[in-house]
Amino acid sequence: EDLKKRGVPVQDVFEKLDKAWPQYQSLKAQLQRIMGKQQFSFPQTFVRGVYQGDYDEVIAKADGGAFADFFHEQFGIAPPAAADAEALPPPGVIAFDDDF
């Protein structure tokens, strides 16, 4: 849901491994080796062939802007607006005495 809200076409970018596939066990083992984990859960995210982490790790990276350029290049999603400078107090609003 989080990536969908960001405008990522999730229906086109996720590939779910089907346990009925004859190659399932082999694909699962390869992903576990790449991820360096014994457990396998959905989703596991790769960007440009590089493992990015599980759901929580990917959302944290997305929240931090780590995928903004990728989302823009691949899906035409505009990067989030920069923080509003007006939200910061103007310089000199807070002053401290020399003995503070």
Protein backbone atom coordinates (compact mmCIF):
# COMPACT_ATOMS: atom_id res chain seq x y z
CA GLU A 1 0.00 0.00 0.00
CA ASP A 2 2.77 2.47 0.86
CA LEU A 3 4.47 2.24 -2.53
CA LYS A 4 1.11 2.38 -4.29
CA LYS A 5 0.35 5.67 -2.49
CA ARG A 6 3.67 7.01 -3.79
CA GLY A 7 2.52 6.25 -7.34
CA VAL A 8 4.59 3.11 -7.93
CA PRO A 9 2.71 0.75 -10.29
CA VAL A 10 2.91 -2.14 -7.84
CA GLN A 11 0.84 -4.43 -10.06
CA ASP A 12 3.66 -4.24 -12.63
CA VAL A 13 6.76 -4.36 -10.43
CA PHE A 14 6.17 -7.22 -8.01
CA GLU A 15 6.90 -10.80 -9.00
CA LYS A 16 5.54 -13.43 -6.67
CA LEU A 17 7.15 -16.85 -6.78
CA ASP A 18 4.60 -19.61 -7.21
CA LYS A 19 5.29 -22.60 -4.97
CA ALA A 20 3.85 -24.83 -7.70
CA TRP A 21 6.64 -23.89 -10.12
CA PRO A 22 9.20 -26.69 -10.53
CA GLN A 23 12.00 -24.11 -10.16
CA TYR A 24 10.55 -22.60 -6.96
CA GLN A 25 12.98 -24.24 -4.52
CA SER A 26 15.97 -23.26 -6.65
CA LEU A 27 14.79 -19.64 -7.01
CA LYS A 28 14.07 -19.44 -3.30
CA ALA A 29 17.54 -20.76 -2.43
CA GLN A 30 19.16 -18.25 -4.79
CA LEU A 31 17.25 -15.35 -3.23
CA GLN A 32 18.16 -16.47 0.27
CA ARG A 33 21.82 -16.60 -0.74
CA ILE A 34 21.68 -13.11 -2.31
CA MET A 35 19.89 -11.70 0.73
CA GLY A 36 22.17 -13.45 3.20
CA LYS A 37 19.17 -14.70 5.17
CA GLN A 38 17.80 -18.11 6.06
CA GLN A 39 14.20 -16.93 6.18
CA PHE A 40 12.31 -15.96 3.07
CA SER A 41 9.32 -13.67 3.16
CA PHE A 42 7.46 -11.50 0.71
CA PRO A 43 8.29 -8.89 -0.36
CA GLN A 44 12.02 -8.77 -0.86
CA THR A 45 13.00 -5.74 -2.89
CA PHE A 46 15.69 -5.29 -5.49
CA VAL A 47 16.48 -2.05 -7.32
CA ARG A 48 18.67 -2.36 -10.40
CA GLY A 49 19.59 -5.87 -9.28
CA VAL A 50 20.74 -4.81 -5.80
CA TYR A 51 18.94 -6.17 -2.75
CA GLN A 52 17.32 -3.33 -0.78
CA GLY A 53 15.78 -5.20 2.13
CA ASP A 54 12.47 -6.39 3.46
CA TYR A 55 9.30 -4.32 3.66
CA ASP A 56 10.27 -2.26 6.73
CA GLU A 57 13.76 -1.53 5.41
CA VAL A 58 12.47 -0.48 2.00
CA ILE A 59 9.77 1.80 3.40
CA ALA A 60 12.33 3.46 5.70
CA LYS A 61 14.63 4.02 2.72
CA ALA A 62 11.74 5.37 0.64
CA ASP A 63 10.73 7.71 3.48
CA GLY A 64 14.32 8.97 3.54
CA GLY A 65 14.28 9.67 -0.21
CA ALA A 66 16.65 6.85 -1.18
CA PHE A 67 14.50 5.84 -4.16
CA ALA A 68 13.35 9.28 -5.33
CA ASP A 69 15.64 9.33 -8.37
CA PHE A 70 14.77 5.73 -9.26
CA PHE A 71 11.02 6.37 -8.95
CA HIS A 72 11.38 9.45 -11.14
CA GLU A 73 13.48 7.71 -13.81
CA GLN A 74 11.44 4.51 -13.96
CA PHE A 75 7.90 5.68 -13.27
CA GLY A 76 7.90 9.44 -13.83
CA ILE A 77 7.07 10.10 -10.18
CA ALA A 78 8.11 13.59 -9.16
CA PRO A 79 10.54 13.68 -6.24
CA PRO A 80 9.03 14.94 -2.98
CA ALA A 81 9.22 18.68 -2.48
CA ALA A 82 12.13 19.96 -0.43
CA ALA A 83 11.44 20.96 3.16
CA ASP A 84 9.93 24.41 3.38
CA ALA A 85 12.52 26.92 4.59
CA GLU A 86 9.66 28.92 6.13
CA ALA A 87 9.11 26.11 8.64
CA LEU A 88 12.47 26.88 10.27
CA PRO A 89 12.75 29.80 12.68
CA PRO A 90 14.60 32.77 11.22
CA PRO A 91 18.22 33.22 12.32
CA GLY A 92 18.60 35.13 15.56
CA VAL A 93 15.18 34.23 16.94
CA ILE A 94 16.80 32.29 19.74
CA ALA A 95 19.67 33.92 21.61
CA PHE A 96 21.58 32.77 24.64
CA ASP A 97 23.44 34.79 27.26
CA ASP A 98 27.20 34.30 27.45
CA ASP A 99 26.87 32.41 30.76
CA PHE A 100 24.48 29.79 29.34
